[in-house]
Amino acid sequence: MFQDSPIYDRLIAECGDVPTQVRREAERVSRELELVMRPAQSPGYDRPHSPGTGWQRTAMLPGPRAQ
């Protein structure tokens, strides 16, 4: 991408190849999202669910709220 660029080479040496790290992480997240968002493969199939890992709404008790 930046051939013969001493400034870019120095930044990579000092900070690591941040653009490559970000790209890899974005690809990993994209793969995970594809897996999670994929519709069920067969009728009656239910994805495994572990308690406490999803969003859960809890009721608030009456009275003043703690600040």
PDB file of N, CA and C in Angstrom:
ATOM      1  N   MET A   1       0.827  -1.188   0.000  1.00  0.00           N
ATOM      2  CA  MET A   1       0.000   0.000   0.000  1.00  0.00           C
ATOM      3  C   MET A   1       0.871   1.251   0.000  1.00  0.00           C
ATOM      4  N   PHE A   2       1.763   1.418   0.988  1.00  0.00           N
ATOM      5  CA  PHE A   2       2.661   2.565   1.043  1.00  0.00           C
ATOM      6  C   PHE A   2       4.073   2.073   0.783  1.00  0.00           C
ATOM      7  N   GLN A   3       4.441   1.939  -0.476  1.00  0.00           N
ATOM      8  CA  GLN A   3       5.763   1.442  -0.823  1.00  0.00           C
ATOM      9  C   GLN A   3       6.773   2.577  -0.725  1.00  0.00           C
ATOM     10  N   ASP A   4       7.947   2.266  -0.212  1.00  0.00           N
ATOM     11  CA  ASP A   4       9.027   3.243  -0.069  1.00  0.00           C
ATOM     12  C   ASP A   4       8.572   4.487   0.687  1.00  0.00           C
ATOM     13  N   SER A   5       7.937   4.276   1.814  1.00  0.00           N
ATOM     14  CA  SER A   5       7.469   5.384   2.642  1.00  0.00           C
ATOM     15  C   SER A   5       8.101   5.256   4.025  1.00  0.00           C
ATOM     16  N   PRO A   6       9.209   5.959   4.252  1.00  0.00           N
ATOM     17  CA  PRO A   6       9.906   5.816   5.528  1.00  0.00           C
ATOM     18  C   PRO A   6       9.046   6.245   6.726  1.00  0.00           C
ATOM     19  N   ILE A   7       8.169   7.217   6.541  1.00  0.00           N
ATOM     20  CA  ILE A   7       7.322   7.649   7.658  1.00  0.00           C
ATOM     21  C   ILE A   7       6.363   6.523   8.041  1.00  0.00           C
ATOM     22  N   TYR A   8       5.733   5.922   7.044  1.00  0.00           N
ATOM     23  CA  TYR A   8       4.799   4.823   7.314  1.00  0.00           C
ATOM     24  C   TYR A   8       5.544   3.641   7.933  1.00  0.00           C
ATOM     25  N   ASP A   9       6.723   3.313   7.397  1.00  0.00           N
ATOM     26  CA  ASP A   9       7.513   2.207   7.945  1.00  0.00           C
ATOM     27  C   ASP A   9       7.865   2.462   9.413  1.00  0.00           C
ATOM     28  N   ARG A  10       8.190   3.702   9.738  1.00  0.00           N
ATOM     29  CA  ARG A  10       8.533   4.048  11.119  1.00  0.00           C
ATOM     30  C   ARG A  10       7.309   3.930  12.037  1.00  0.00           C
ATOM     31  N   LEU A  11       6.166   4.374  11.547  1.00  0.00           N
ATOM     32  CA  LEU A  11       4.938   4.243  12.336  1.00  0.00           C
ATOM     33  C   LEU A  11       4.608   2.779  12.604  1.00  0.00           C
ATOM     34  N   ILE A  12       4.764   1.944  11.587  1.00  0.00           N
ATOM     35  CA  ILE A  12       4.514   0.504  11.748  1.00  0.00           C
ATOM     36  C   ILE A  12       5.474  -0.070  12.784  1.00  0.00           C
ATOM     37  N   ALA A  13       6.728   0.332  12.722  1.00  0.00           N
ATOM     38  CA  ALA A  13       7.728  -0.171  13.670  1.00  0.00           C
ATOM     39  C   ALA A  13       7.396   0.265  15.095  1.00  0.00           C
ATOM     40  N   GLU A  14       6.906   1.484  15.263  1.00  0.00           N
ATOM     41  CA  GLU A  14       6.630   2.024  16.591  1.00  0.00           C
ATOM     42  C   GLU A  14       5.286   1.559  17.153  1.00  0.00           C
ATOM     43  N   CYS A  15       4.268   1.529  16.316  1.00  0.00           N
ATOM     44  CA  CYS A  15       2.896   1.291  16.796  1.00  0.00           C
ATOM     45  C   CYS A  15       2.299  -0.024  16.349  1.00  0.00           C
ATOM     46  N   GLY A  16       2.934  -0.738  15.463  1.00  0.00           N
ATOM     47  CA  GLY A  16       2.350  -1.950  14.905  1.00  0.00           C
ATOM     48  C   GLY A  16       1.505  -1.587  13.694  1.00  0.00           C
ATOM     49  N   ASP A  17       1.088  -2.597  12.970  1.00  0.00           N
ATOM     50  CA  ASP A  17       0.301  -2.373  11.752  1.00  0.00           C
ATOM     51  C   ASP A  17      -1.176  -2.298  12.125  1.00  0.00           C
ATOM     52  N   VAL A  18      -1.574  -1.149  12.629  1.00  0.00           N
ATOM     53  CA  VAL A  18      -2.938  -0.946  13.121  1.00  0.00           C
ATOM     54  C   VAL A  18      -3.979  -1.183  12.030  1.00  0.00           C
ATOM     55  N   PRO A  19      -3.811  -0.669  10.802  1.00  0.00           N
ATOM     56  CA  PRO A  19      -4.827  -0.937   9.779  1.00  0.00           C
ATOM     57  C   PRO A  19      -5.050  -2.431   9.536  1.00  0.00           C
ATOM     58  N   THR A  20      -3.990  -3.213   9.529  1.00  0.00           N
ATOM     59  CA  THR A  20      -4.131  -4.659   9.328  1.00  0.00           C
ATOM     60  C   THR A  20      -4.833  -5.300  10.517  1.00  0.00           C
ATOM     61  N   GLN A  21      -4.495  -4.870  11.725  1.00  0.00           N
ATOM     62  CA  GLN A  21      -5.147  -5.413  12.916  1.00  0.00           C
ATOM     63  C   GLN A  21      -6.639  -5.090  12.910  1.00  0.00           C
ATOM     64  N   VAL A  22      -6.994  -3.867  12.534  1.00  0.00           N
ATOM     65  CA  VAL A  22      -8.398  -3.459  12.482  1.00  0.00           C
ATOM     66  C   VAL A  22      -9.138  -4.263  11.416  1.00  0.00           C
ATOM     67  N   ARG A  23      -8.519  -4.441  10.264  1.00  0.00           N
ATOM     68  CA  ARG A  23      -9.143  -5.208   9.181  1.00  0.00           C
ATOM     69  C   ARG A  23      -9.421  -6.642   9.632  1.00  0.00           C
ATOM     70  N   ARG A  24      -8.444  -7.272  10.288  1.00  0.00           N
ATOM     71  CA  ARG A  24      -8.619  -8.653  10.758  1.00  0.00           C
ATOM     72  C   ARG A  24      -9.752  -8.745  11.781  1.00  0.00           C
ATOM     73  N   GLU A  25      -9.792  -7.785  12.699  1.00  0.00           N
ATOM     74  CA  GLU A  25     -10.842  -7.794  13.720  1.00  0.00           C
ATOM     75  C   GLU A  25     -12.217  -7.592  13.085  1.00  0.00           C
ATOM     76  N   ALA A  26     -12.306  -6.701  12.098  1.00  0.00           N
ATOM     77  CA  ALA A  26     -13.577  -6.464  11.399  1.00  0.00           C
ATOM     78  C   ALA A  26     -14.021  -7.720  10.663  1.00  0.00           C
ATOM     79  N   GLU A  27     -13.098  -8.432  10.047  1.00  0.00           N
ATOM     80  CA  GLU A  27     -13.436  -9.678   9.356  1.00  0.00           C
ATOM     81  C   GLU A  27     -13.918 -10.737  10.347  1.00  0.00           C
ATOM     82  N   ARG A  28     -13.274 -10.806  11.515  1.00  0.00           N
ATOM     83  CA  ARG A  28     -13.674 -11.776  12.532  1.00  0.00           C
ATOM     84  C   ARG A  28     -15.090 -11.471  13.029  1.00  0.00           C
ATOM     85  N   VAL A  29     -15.368 -10.196  13.307  1.00  0.00           N
ATOM     86  CA  VAL A  29     -16.698  -9.798  13.771  1.00  0.00           C
ATOM     87  C   VAL A  29     -17.735 -10.089  12.693  1.00  0.00           C
ATOM     88  N   SER A  30     -17.386  -9.820  11.453  1.00  0.00           N
ATOM     89  CA  SER A  30     -18.312 -10.087  10.348  1.00  0.00           C
ATOM     90  C   SER A  30     -18.651 -11.574  10.259  1.00  0.00           C
ATOM     91  N   ARG A  31     -17.643 -12.442  10.410  1.00  0.00           N
ATOM     92  CA  ARG A  31     -17.897 -13.889  10.383  1.00  0.00           C
ATOM     93  C   ARG A  31     -18.805 -14.311  11.532  1.00  0.00           C
ATOM     94  N   GLU A  32     -18.551 -13.761  12.733  1.00  0.00           N
ATOM     95  CA  GLU A  32     -19.385 -14.096  13.881  1.00  0.00           C
ATOM     96  C   GLU A  32     -20.824 -13.639  13.664  1.00  0.00           C
ATOM     97  N   LEU A  33     -20.998 -12.442  13.124  1.00  0.00           N
ATOM     98  CA  LEU A  33     -22.349 -11.943  12.863  1.00  0.00           C
ATOM     99  C   LEU A  33     -23.069 -12.800  11.837  1.00  0.00           C
ATOM    100  N   GLU A  34     -22.364 -13.235  10.796  1.00  0.00           N
ATOM    101  CA  GLU A  34     -22.978 -14.115   9.805  1.00  0.00           C
ATOM    102  C   GLU A  34     -23.487 -15.389  10.464  1.00  0.00           C
ATOM    103  N   LEU A  35     -22.692 -15.945  11.360  1.00  0.00           N
ATOM    104  CA  LEU A  35     -23.071 -17.175  12.041  1.00  0.00           C
ATOM    105  C   LEU A  35     -24.297 -16.949  12.924  1.00  0.00           C
ATOM    106  N   VAL A  36     -24.310 -15.862  13.667  1.00  0.00           N
ATOM    107  CA  VAL A  36     -25.410 -15.581  14.577  1.00  0.00           C
ATOM    108  C   VAL A  36     -26.689 -15.219  13.824  1.00  0.00           C
ATOM    109  N   MET A  37     -26.560 -14.473  12.742  1.00  0.00           N
ATOM    110  CA  MET A  37     -27.727 -13.991  12.008  1.00  0.00           C
ATOM    111  C   MET A  37     -28.261 -15.012  11.006  1.00  0.00           C
ATOM    112  N   ARG A  38     -27.527 -16.095  10.773  1.00  0.00           N
ATOM    113  CA  ARG A  38     -27.957 -17.116   9.820  1.00  0.00           C
ATOM    114  C   ARG A  38     -29.256 -17.748  10.304  1.00  0.00           C
ATOM    115  N   PRO A  39     -30.247 -17.870   9.421  1.00  0.00           N
ATOM    116  CA  PRO A  39     -31.508 -18.499   9.842  1.00  0.00           C
ATOM    117  C   PRO A  39     -31.301 -19.973  10.173  1.00  0.00           C
ATOM    118  N   ALA A  40     -32.213 -20.495  10.947  1.00  0.00           N
ATOM    119  CA  ALA A  40     -32.122 -21.908  11.335  1.00  0.00           C
ATOM    120  C   ALA A  40     -32.101 -22.777  10.085  1.00  0.00           C
ATOM    121  N   GLN A  41     -31.308 -23.826  10.101  1.00  0.00           N
ATOM    122  CA  GLN A  41     -31.136 -24.682   8.923  1.00  0.00           C
ATOM    123  C   GLN A  41     -32.302 -25.648   8.712  1.00  0.00           C
ATOM    124  N   SER A  42     -32.931 -26.081   9.797  1.00  0.00           N
ATOM    125  CA  SER A  42     -34.028 -27.033   9.642  1.00  0.00           C
ATOM    126  C   SER A  42     -35.176 -26.629  10.558  1.00  0.00           C
ATOM    127  N   PRO A  43     -36.421 -27.006  10.187  1.00  0.00           N
ATOM    128  CA  PRO A  43     -37.557 -26.657  11.030  1.00  0.00           C
ATOM    129  C   PRO A  43     -37.418 -27.281  12.416  1.00  0.00           C
ATOM    130  N   GLY A  44     -37.800 -26.524  13.412  1.00  0.00           N
ATOM    131  CA  GLY A  44     -37.742 -27.021  14.780  1.00  0.00           C
ATOM    132  C   GLY A  44     -36.376 -26.884  15.418  1.00  0.00           C
ATOM    133  N   TYR A  45     -35.406 -26.425  14.648  1.00  0.00           N
ATOM    134  CA  TYR A  45     -34.060 -26.268  15.193  1.00  0.00           C
ATOM    135  C   TYR A  45     -34.030 -25.045  16.095  1.00  0.00           C
ATOM    136  N   ASP A  46     -33.489 -25.194  17.261  1.00  0.00           N
ATOM    137  CA  ASP A  46     -33.372 -24.075  18.181  1.00  0.00           C
ATOM    138  C   ASP A  46     -31.901 -23.889  18.513  1.00  0.00           C
ATOM    139  N   ARG A  47     -31.424 -22.680  18.369  1.00  0.00           N
ATOM    140  CA  ARG A  47     -30.017 -22.416  18.692  1.00  0.00           C
ATOM    141  C   ARG A  47     -29.775 -22.657  20.174  1.00  0.00           C
ATOM    142  N   PRO A  48     -28.621 -23.166  20.509  1.00  0.00           N
ATOM    143  CA  PRO A  48     -28.319 -23.349  21.931  1.00  0.00           C
ATOM    144  C   PRO A  48     -28.279 -21.987  22.620  1.00  0.00           C
ATOM    145  N   HIS A  49     -28.823 -21.948  23.804  1.00  0.00           N
ATOM    146  CA  HIS A  49     -28.873 -20.688  24.547  1.00  0.00           C
ATOM    147  C   HIS A  49     -28.411 -20.946  25.963  1.00  0.00           C
ATOM    148  N   SER A  50     -27.466 -20.165  26.399  1.00  0.00           N
ATOM    149  CA  SER A  50     -27.056 -20.303  27.778  1.00  0.00           C
ATOM    150  C   SER A  50     -27.666 -19.176  28.590  1.00  0.00           C
ATOM    151  N   PRO A  51     -28.159 -19.481  29.753  1.00  0.00           N
ATOM    152  CA  PRO A  51     -28.809 -18.458  30.563  1.00  0.00           C
ATOM    153  C   PRO A  51     -27.845 -17.333  30.892  1.00  0.00           C
ATOM    154  N   GLY A  52     -28.366 -16.137  30.871  1.00  0.00           N
ATOM    155  CA  GLY A  52     -27.582 -14.979  31.265  1.00  0.00           C
ATOM    156  C   GLY A  52     -26.727 -14.388  30.172  1.00  0.00           C
ATOM    157  N   THR A  53     -26.753 -14.944  28.960  1.00  0.00           N
ATOM    158  CA  THR A  53     -25.899 -14.391  27.920  1.00  0.00           C
ATOM    159  C   THR A  53     -26.639 -13.425  27.022  1.00  0.00           C
ATOM    160  N   GLY A  54     -27.956 -13.406  27.081  1.00  0.00           N
ATOM    161  CA  GLY A  54     -28.729 -12.516  26.222  1.00  0.00           C
ATOM    162  C   GLY A  54     -29.218 -11.303  26.968  1.00  0.00           C
ATOM    163  N   TRP A  55     -29.944 -10.462  26.262  1.00  0.00           N
ATOM    164  CA  TRP A  55     -30.508  -9.263  26.854  1.00  0.00           C
ATOM    165  C   TRP A  55     -31.660  -9.667  27.747  1.00  0.00           C
ATOM    166  N   GLN A  56     -31.751  -9.069  28.909  1.00  0.00           N
ATOM    167  CA  GLN A  56     -32.827  -9.395  29.819  1.00  0.00           C
ATOM    168  C   GLN A  56     -33.330  -8.111  30.457  1.00  0.00           C
ATOM    169  N   ARG A  57     -34.645  -7.952  30.470  1.00  0.00           N
ATOM    170  CA  ARG A  57     -35.246  -6.768  31.070  1.00  0.00           C
ATOM    171  C   ARG A  57     -35.585  -7.094  32.517  1.00  0.00           C
ATOM    172  N   THR A  58     -35.217  -6.204  33.421  1.00  0.00           N
ATOM    173  CA  THR A  58     -35.525  -6.423  34.826  1.00  0.00           C
ATOM    174  C   THR A  58     -36.451  -5.320  35.300  1.00  0.00           C
ATOM    175  N   ALA A  59     -37.327  -5.667  36.189  1.00  0.00           N
ATOM    176  CA  ALA A  59     -38.278  -4.691  36.722  1.00  0.00           C
ATOM    177  C   ALA A  59     -37.581  -3.802  37.739  1.00  0.00           C
ATOM    178  N   MET A  60     -38.031  -2.547  37.800  1.00  0.00           N
ATOM    179  CA  MET A  60     -37.496  -1.627  38.798  1.00  0.00           C
ATOM    180  C   MET A  60     -38.436  -1.613  39.992  1.00  0.00           C
ATOM    181  N   LEU A  61     -37.889  -1.589  41.162  1.00  0.00           N
ATOM    182  CA  LEU A  61     -38.695  -1.548  42.369  1.00  0.00           C
ATOM    183  C   LEU A  61     -39.255  -0.134  42.551  1.00  0.00           C
ATOM    184  N   PRO A  62     -40.436  -0.030  43.145  1.00  0.00           N
ATOM    185  CA  PRO A  62     -41.005   1.300  43.383  1.00  0.00           C
ATOM    186  C   PRO A  62     -40.190   2.050  44.425  1.00  0.00           C
ATOM    187  N   GLY A  63     -40.268   3.349  44.349  1.00  0.00           N
ATOM    188  CA  GLY A  63     -39.562   4.171  45.351  1.00  0.00           C
ATOM    189  C   GLY A  63     -38.505   5.027  44.676  1.00  0.00           C
ATOM    190  N   PRO A  64     -37.788   5.783  45.491  1.00  0.00           N
ATOM    191  CA  PRO A  64     -36.769   6.694  44.923  1.00  0.00           C
ATOM    192  C   PRO A  64     -35.627   5.899  44.291  1.00  0.00           C
ATOM    193  N   ARG A  65     -35.092   6.459  43.244  1.00  0.00           N
ATOM    194  CA  ARG A  65     -33.973   5.813  42.551  1.00  0.00           C
ATOM    195  C   ARG A  65     -32.657   6.283  43.159  1.00  0.00           C
ATOM    196  N   ALA A  66     -31.722   5.351  43.256  1.00  0.00           N
ATOM    197  CA  ALA A  66     -30.382   5.692  43.742  1.00  0.00           C
ATOM    198  C   ALA A  66     -29.662   6.473  42.673  1.00  0.00           C
ATOM    199  N   GLN A  67     -28.917   7.482  43.070  1.00  0.00           N
ATOM    200  CA  GLN A  67     -28.227   8.314  42.079  1.00  0.00           C
ATOM    201  C   GLN A  67     -26.772   8.066  42.088  1.00  0.00           C
TER     202      GLN A  67
END
